[in-house]
N, C-alpha and C. Protein backbone atom coordinates (compact mmCIF):
# COMPACT_ATOMS: atom_id res chain seq x y z
N MET A 1 148.56 68.13 122.76
CA MET A 1 149.38 67.98 123.94
C MET A 1 148.78 69.26 125.09
N LEU A 2 148.45 68.68 126.31
CA LEU A 2 147.99 69.41 127.41
C LEU A 2 149.16 69.48 128.30
N ASP A 3 149.19 70.86 129.04
CA ASP A 3 150.05 71.06 130.15
C ASP A 3 149.90 69.75 131.15
N GLN A 4 148.97 69.63 131.62
CA GLN A 4 148.54 68.68 132.68
C GLN A 4 147.28 67.96 132.37
N LEU A 5 147.31 66.58 132.55
CA LEU A 5 145.88 65.78 132.17
C LEU A 5 145.70 64.91 133.43
N TRP A 6 144.60 65.01 134.24
CA TRP A 6 144.14 64.49 135.33
C TRP A 6 143.14 63.34 134.72
N ILE A 7 143.29 62.06 134.94
CA ILE A 7 142.33 61.00 134.52
C ILE A 7 141.70 60.51 135.80
N MET A 8 140.49 60.90 136.02
CA MET A 8 139.81 60.44 137.13
C MET A 8 138.84 59.11 137.00
N LEU A 9 139.05 58.30 137.55
CA LEU A 9 138.28 56.68 137.44
C LEU A 9 137.46 56.64 138.72
N TYR A 10 135.99 56.72 138.76
CA TYR A 10 135.22 56.86 139.66
C TYR A 10 134.85 55.16 139.92
N PRO A 11 134.45 54.98 141.15
CA PRO A 11 133.70 53.57 141.36
C PRO A 11 132.65 53.07 140.21
N ASN A 12 132.04 54.03 140.04
CA ASN A 12 130.70 53.34 139.18
C ASN A 12 131.24 53.58 137.80
N ARG A 13 132.80 53.42 137.62
CA ARG A 13 133.57 53.32 136.08
C ARG A 13 133.44 54.62 135.28
N LYS A 14 132.97 55.59 136.02
CA LYS A 14 132.92 56.87 135.01
C LYS A 14 134.16 57.34 134.82
N VAL A 15 134.46 57.88 134.03
CA VAL A 15 135.89 58.57 133.50
C VAL A 15 135.70 60.03 133.30
N ARG A 16 136.66 60.77 134.09
CA ARG A 16 136.68 62.34 133.50
C ARG A 16 138.18 62.46 132.96
N LEU A 17 138.06 63.28 132.20
CA LEU A 17 139.29 63.57 131.59
C LEU A 17 139.37 65.09 131.75
N VAL A 18 140.47 65.61 132.70
CA VAL A 18 140.41 66.98 133.25
C VAL A 18 141.96 67.52 132.89
N GLY A 19 141.95 68.23 131.86
CA GLY A 19 142.95 69.10 131.28
C GLY A 19 143.44 70.49 131.99
N LEU A 20 144.47 70.70 132.29
CA LEU A 20 144.98 72.00 132.87
C LEU A 20 145.93 72.56 131.90
N GLU A 21 145.48 73.89 131.42
CA GLU A 21 146.40 74.52 130.61
C GLU A 21 146.92 75.74 131.46
N ILE A 22 148.53 75.83 131.23
CA ILE A 22 149.10 76.90 131.95
C ILE A 22 149.45 78.06 130.60
N ASP A 23 148.69 79.18 130.73
CA ASP A 23 148.83 80.22 129.63
C ASP A 23 149.73 81.07 129.93
N GLY A 24 150.92 81.10 129.03
CA GLY A 24 151.67 82.15 129.17
C GLY A 24 151.27 83.37 128.64
N GLU A 25 152.13 84.60 128.70
CA GLU A 25 151.41 85.80 128.09
C GLU A 25 151.16 85.60 126.82
N VAL A 26 151.94 85.12 125.67
CA VAL A 26 151.47 84.88 124.39
C VAL A 26 150.16 84.44 124.25
N HIS A 27 149.44 83.93 125.27
CA HIS A 27 147.88 83.43 125.12
C HIS A 27 147.11 84.86 125.13
N LEU A 28 147.52 85.73 125.65
CA LEU A 28 146.64 87.04 125.60
C LEU A 28 146.55 87.67 124.11
N GLU A 29 147.36 87.31 123.25
CA GLU A 29 147.34 87.71 121.83
C GLU A 29 145.81 87.32 121.12
N PRO A 30 145.14 88.39 120.51
CA PRO A 30 143.91 87.81 119.81
C PRO A 30 143.94 86.47 119.14
N GLU A 31 145.03 86.54 118.07
CA GLU A 31 145.09 84.99 117.38
C GLU A 31 145.41 83.95 118.19
N LYS A 32 146.00 83.83 119.18
CA LYS A 32 146.32 82.74 120.06
C LYS A 32 144.99 82.46 120.78
N ARG A 33 144.30 83.59 121.42
CA ARG A 33 143.24 83.26 121.97
C ARG A 33 142.20 82.48 121.19
N ALA A 34 142.15 82.96 119.86
CA ALA A 34 141.31 82.30 118.93
C ALA A 34 141.45 80.92 118.93
N ASN A 35 142.51 80.58 118.48
CA ASN A 35 143.12 79.46 118.34
C ASN A 35 142.87 78.32 119.73
N ASP A 36 143.10 79.08 121.08
CA ASP A 36 143.02 78.52 121.97
C ASP A 36 141.39 77.95 122.10
N ARG A 37 140.52 78.69 121.85
CA ARG A 37 139.05 78.70 121.75
C ARG A 37 138.62 77.56 120.98
N LYS A 38 139.45 77.53 119.70
CA LYS A 38 138.95 76.23 118.93
C LYS A 38 139.41 75.07 119.40
N ARG A 39 140.65 74.94 119.97
CA ARG A 39 141.30 73.61 120.50
C ARG A 39 140.30 73.26 121.70
N ASP A 40 139.83 74.14 122.44
CA ASP A 40 138.87 73.84 123.68
C ASP A 40 137.88 73.07 123.43
N ILE A 41 137.34 73.79 122.27
CA ILE A 41 136.03 73.00 121.85
C ILE A 41 135.97 71.76 121.07
N MET A 42 137.38 71.43 120.25
CA MET A 42 137.58 70.16 119.92
C MET A 42 137.68 69.23 120.95
N LEU A 43 138.75 69.53 122.04
CA LEU A 43 138.62 68.76 123.34
C LEU A 43 137.59 68.53 123.75
N ALA A 44 136.75 69.41 124.09
CA ALA A 44 135.52 69.37 124.74
C ALA A 44 134.49 68.38 123.85
N ALA A 45 134.72 68.38 122.70
CA ALA A 45 133.93 67.50 121.82
C ALA A 45 134.50 65.83 122.12
N MET A 46 135.61 65.83 122.44
CA MET A 46 136.39 64.50 122.53
C MET A 46 136.00 64.07 124.29
N GLY A 47 135.33 64.91 124.94
CA GLY A 47 135.12 64.54 126.35
C GLY A 47 136.08 65.17 127.14
N TYR A 48 136.96 66.17 127.05
CA TYR A 48 137.89 66.63 128.02
C TYR A 48 137.18 67.83 128.47
N GLU A 49 137.52 68.19 129.60
CA GLU A 49 137.18 69.40 130.43
C GLU A 49 138.49 70.16 130.50
N ILE A 50 138.59 71.38 130.08
CA ILE A 50 139.75 72.13 130.07
C ILE A 50 139.63 73.24 130.89
N TYR A 51 140.67 73.58 131.95
CA TYR A 51 140.73 74.73 132.73
C TYR A 51 142.01 75.28 132.20
N HIS A 52 141.98 76.97 132.32
CA HIS A 52 143.17 77.55 131.99
C HIS A 52 143.35 78.40 133.11
N VAL A 53 144.86 78.44 133.42
CA VAL A 53 145.37 79.44 134.48
C VAL A 53 146.36 80.13 133.81
N ALA A 54 146.87 81.62 134.20
CA ALA A 54 147.49 82.32 133.99
C ALA A 54 148.98 81.84 134.39
N GLY A 55 150.08 81.77 133.46
CA GLY A 55 151.13 81.28 133.81
C GLY A 55 151.80 82.06 135.08
N TRP A 56 151.91 83.35 134.94
CA TRP A 56 152.44 84.11 136.00
C TRP A 56 152.02 83.66 137.47
N TRP A 57 150.81 83.05 137.35
CA TRP A 57 150.46 82.73 139.02
C TRP A 57 151.12 81.58 139.44
N CYS A 58 151.53 80.80 138.25
CA CYS A 58 152.15 79.49 138.66
C CYS A 58 153.54 79.80 139.16
N ARG A 59 153.94 80.82 138.57
CA ARG A 59 155.60 81.11 138.86
C ARG A 59 155.63 81.85 140.53
N ILE A 60 154.44 82.37 140.93
CA ILE A 60 154.44 83.19 142.37
C ILE A 60 153.64 82.37 143.24
N ASP A 61 152.60 81.54 142.90
CA ASP A 61 151.80 81.13 143.82
C ASP A 61 151.30 79.76 143.36
N PRO A 62 152.03 78.79 143.29
CA PRO A 62 151.67 77.45 142.44
C PRO A 62 150.64 76.83 143.29
N PHE A 63 150.85 77.02 144.85
CA PHE A 63 149.78 76.13 145.73
C PHE A 63 148.19 76.76 145.15
N ARG A 64 148.33 77.96 145.36
CA ARG A 64 146.95 78.62 145.06
C ARG A 64 146.33 78.12 143.94
N VAL A 65 147.32 78.12 142.53
CA VAL A 65 146.86 77.68 141.37
C VAL A 65 146.24 76.22 141.25
N ILE A 66 146.86 75.49 141.88
CA ILE A 66 146.32 74.03 142.15
C ILE A 66 145.09 73.96 142.93
N CYS A 67 145.16 74.71 144.09
CA CYS A 67 144.02 74.92 144.85
C CYS A 67 142.55 75.34 144.13
N GLU A 68 142.82 76.39 143.60
CA GLU A 68 141.66 76.88 142.74
C GLU A 68 141.27 75.99 141.71
N PHE A 69 142.08 75.41 140.85
CA PHE A 69 141.79 74.45 139.70
C PHE A 69 141.12 73.19 140.43
N LEU A 70 141.59 72.84 141.51
CA LEU A 70 140.99 71.62 141.99
C LEU A 70 139.31 72.03 142.58
N SER A 71 139.35 73.45 142.97
CA SER A 71 137.92 73.79 143.32
C SER A 71 136.85 73.91 141.94
N ALA A 72 137.52 74.61 140.98
CA ALA A 72 136.92 74.87 139.80
C ALA A 72 136.40 73.68 139.18
N SER A 73 137.31 72.58 139.11
CA SER A 73 136.96 71.42 138.46
C SER A 73 136.22 70.45 139.27
N ASN A 74 135.91 70.66 140.56
CA ASN A 74 135.10 70.00 141.73
C ASN A 74 135.90 68.69 141.82
N LEU A 75 137.08 68.57 141.86
CA LEU A 75 137.61 67.47 142.00
C LEU A 75 137.85 67.45 143.78
N LEU A 76 138.16 68.70 143.92
CA LEU A 76 138.03 68.96 145.39
C LEU A 76 137.64 70.34 145.82
N PRO A 77 136.09 70.22 146.00
CA PRO A 77 135.45 71.30 145.78
C PRO A 77 135.87 72.73 146.92
N ASP A 78 136.39 72.26 148.09
CA ASP A 78 136.83 73.20 149.03
C ASP A 78 138.34 73.70 149.04
N ALA A 79 138.97 73.15 148.06
CA ALA A 79 140.49 73.41 148.01
C ALA A 79 140.50 74.80 147.80
N ASN A 80 139.83 75.71 147.42
CA ASN A 80 140.22 77.10 147.27
C ASN A 80 140.32 77.85 148.61
N GLN A 81 139.80 77.05 149.64
CA GLN A 81 139.88 77.67 151.06
C GLN A 81 141.15 77.58 151.70
N ARG A 82 141.98 76.74 151.05
CA ARG A 82 143.37 76.26 151.70
C ARG A 82 144.33 77.31 151.87
N PRO A 83 144.69 78.31 150.92
CA PRO A 83 145.51 79.23 150.86
C PRO A 83 145.19 80.15 152.07
N VAL A 84 146.13 80.84 152.80
CA VAL A 84 145.89 81.53 153.68
C VAL A 84 145.11 82.85 153.39
N THR A 85 145.66 83.52 152.32
CA THR A 85 145.08 84.80 151.70
C THR A 85 145.01 84.64 150.24
N SER A 86 144.14 85.17 149.54
CA SER A 86 144.15 85.51 148.22
C SER A 86 143.74 86.78 147.96
N ARG A 87 144.11 87.83 148.63
CA ARG A 87 143.54 89.10 148.46
C ARG A 87 144.67 89.60 147.06
N PHE A 88 145.45 88.97 146.87
CA PHE A 88 146.22 89.49 145.75
C PHE A 88 145.56 89.47 144.25
N GLN A 89 145.60 90.43 143.62
CA GLN A 89 145.18 90.08 142.24
C GLN A 89 146.10 90.46 140.92
N THR A 90 147.09 90.68 141.53
CA THR A 90 148.27 91.07 140.43
C THR A 90 149.81 90.56 141.13
N ILE A 91 150.42 90.06 140.39
CA ILE A 91 151.93 89.84 140.63
C ILE A 91 152.53 90.99 141.48
N ASN A 92 152.38 92.32 141.24
CA ASN A 92 152.90 93.21 141.90
C ASN A 92 152.60 93.44 143.35
N GLU A 93 151.45 92.58 143.70
CA GLU A 93 150.89 92.90 145.10
C GLU A 93 151.34 91.96 146.01
N TYR A 94 152.30 90.94 145.34
CA TYR A 94 152.93 89.83 146.17
C TYR A 94 154.17 90.23 146.56
N ILE A 95 154.09 91.16 147.75
CA ILE A 95 155.05 92.06 148.64
C ILE A 95 154.82 91.55 150.01
N CYS A 96 156.04 91.10 150.78
CA CYS A 96 156.03 90.72 152.11
C CYS A 96 155.88 92.12 152.86
N ASP A 97 154.87 92.11 153.68
CA ASP A 97 154.70 93.58 154.48
C ASP A 97 155.65 93.84 155.59
N TYR A 98 156.66 92.68 155.89
CA TYR A 98 157.40 93.07 156.87
C TYR A 98 158.89 93.09 156.15
N CYS A 99 159.61 92.36 155.27
CA CYS A 99 160.65 92.41 154.60
C CYS A 99 160.71 93.40 153.31
N GLY A 100 159.48 93.43 152.90
CA GLY A 100 159.49 93.98 151.53
C GLY A 100 159.77 93.40 150.13
N ASN A 101 160.32 92.13 150.60
CA ASN A 101 160.81 91.03 149.14
C ASN A 101 159.41 90.58 148.53
N PRO A 102 159.54 89.93 147.23
CA PRO A 102 158.40 89.50 146.81
C PRO A 102 158.24 88.06 147.23
N LEU A 103 156.86 88.08 147.40
CA LEU A 103 156.39 86.65 148.10
C LEU A 103 156.26 85.43 147.09
N TYR A 104 156.41 84.36 147.42
CA TYR A 104 156.01 83.24 146.83
C TYR A 104 155.64 82.27 147.71
N ARG A 105 154.59 81.22 147.32
CA ARG A 105 154.11 80.39 148.22
C ARG A 105 154.81 78.98 147.89
N ARG A 106 155.49 78.32 148.81
CA ARG A 106 155.77 76.90 148.44
C ARG A 106 154.66 75.90 148.83
N ASP A 107 153.95 76.19 149.90
CA ASP A 107 152.96 75.45 150.52
C ASP A 107 151.98 76.30 151.19
N GLU A 108 150.97 75.67 151.73
CA GLU A 108 149.87 76.30 152.50
C GLU A 108 150.37 77.16 153.28
N ASP A 109 151.25 77.29 154.06
CA ASP A 109 151.57 77.80 155.24
C ASP A 109 152.84 78.82 154.94
N TRP A 110 153.25 78.86 153.77
CA TRP A 110 154.42 80.04 153.50
C TRP A 110 154.01 81.49 153.27
N ILE A 111 152.80 81.66 152.93
CA ILE A 111 152.41 83.09 153.08
C ILE A 111 151.16 82.87 154.15
N GLU A 112 151.60 84.13 155.14
CA GLU A 112 150.78 84.04 156.37
C GLU A 112 150.30 85.45 156.55
N GLU A 113 148.86 85.54 156.87
CA GLU A 113 148.24 86.73 157.24
C GLU A 113 148.06 86.83 158.68
N ILE A 114 148.74 87.86 159.25
CA ILE A 114 148.67 87.94 160.80
C ILE A 114 148.21 89.56 161.11
N GLU A 115 147.79 89.70 162.44
CA GLU A 115 147.83 91.09 162.76
C GLU A 115 149.13 91.33 163.45
N TYR A 116 149.63 92.66 162.90
CA TYR A 116 150.92 93.06 163.15
C TYR A 116 150.93 94.41 163.32
N GLU A 117 151.42 94.78 164.66
CA GLU A 117 151.57 96.19 164.95
C GLU A 117 150.19 97.02 164.82
N GLY A 118 148.99 96.29 165.04
CA GLY A 118 147.75 96.97 164.80
C GLY A 118 147.06 96.83 163.53
N ARG A 119 147.77 95.98 162.45
CA ARG A 119 147.05 96.13 161.16
C ARG A 119 147.21 94.56 160.63
N SER A 120 146.33 94.31 159.80
CA SER A 120 146.43 93.11 158.96
C SER A 120 147.56 93.12 157.97
N THR A 121 148.56 92.05 158.08
CA THR A 121 149.73 92.19 157.21
C THR A 121 149.84 90.80 156.73
N VAL A 122 150.75 90.44 155.63
CA VAL A 122 150.71 89.38 154.98
C VAL A 122 152.61 89.32 154.84
N MET A 123 152.79 88.21 155.30
CA MET A 123 154.46 88.22 155.21
C MET A 123 154.77 86.40 154.90
N HIS A 124 156.12 86.40 154.61
CA HIS A 124 156.68 85.06 154.58
C HIS A 124 156.51 84.31 155.88
N GLY A 125 156.38 83.10 155.71
CA GLY A 125 156.41 82.43 157.05
C GLY A 125 157.56 82.61 157.91
N GLY A 126 158.87 82.92 157.28
CA GLY A 126 159.94 83.20 158.17
C GLY A 126 159.88 84.73 158.89
N CYS A 127 159.25 85.53 157.83
CA CYS A 127 159.14 86.76 158.53
C CYS A 127 158.29 86.99 159.68
N VAL A 128 157.01 85.84 159.86
CA VAL A 128 156.42 86.17 160.70
C VAL A 128 157.05 85.57 162.10
N GLU A 129 157.79 84.60 161.88
CA GLU A 129 158.81 84.13 163.08
C GLU A 129 159.47 85.18 163.56
N MET A 130 159.95 85.95 162.79
CA MET A 130 160.86 87.13 163.22
C MET A 130 160.30 88.33 163.52
N ALA A 131 159.08 88.65 163.27
CA ALA A 131 158.13 89.73 163.65
C ALA A 131 157.70 89.30 165.15
N THR A 132 157.35 87.94 165.34
CA THR A 132 156.47 87.62 166.57
C THR A 132 157.65 87.31 167.59
N TYR A 133 158.69 86.93 167.25
CA TYR A 133 159.64 86.31 168.20
C TYR A 133 160.94 87.00 168.00
N PRO A 134 161.12 88.07 168.19
CA PRO A 134 162.33 88.97 167.96
C PRO A 134 163.53 88.54 168.91
N PRO A 135 164.57 88.66 168.39
CA PRO A 135 165.80 88.27 169.47
C PRO A 135 166.03 89.02 170.50
């Protein structure tokens, strides 16, 4: 079973089977990693292309995950240019510079990077509105 299977049929009748695996923290354990590698090799032998993403990214920034997957798989090569910012490397960095609450991305505009009070900041879309249009 794959988490997601994308079946692409091209005009020349070529078919691509592209699998997206969302790996939870258990996939960091050495035994599970070894099993994953064996499974990926078996699926590749059957014609599947497999891409892995960390499950915690899906909880915080699903739009970025899909964009990076679409770029990596070459289904939509420039998709990774869509998210406004990708400076975050860990889940702990997803904090709004305006309200201090955790950030999450619902779509491409929900996390915005703007110049605010003389510095580059990252905010929720709603916080940008409050910061730039105060009452």
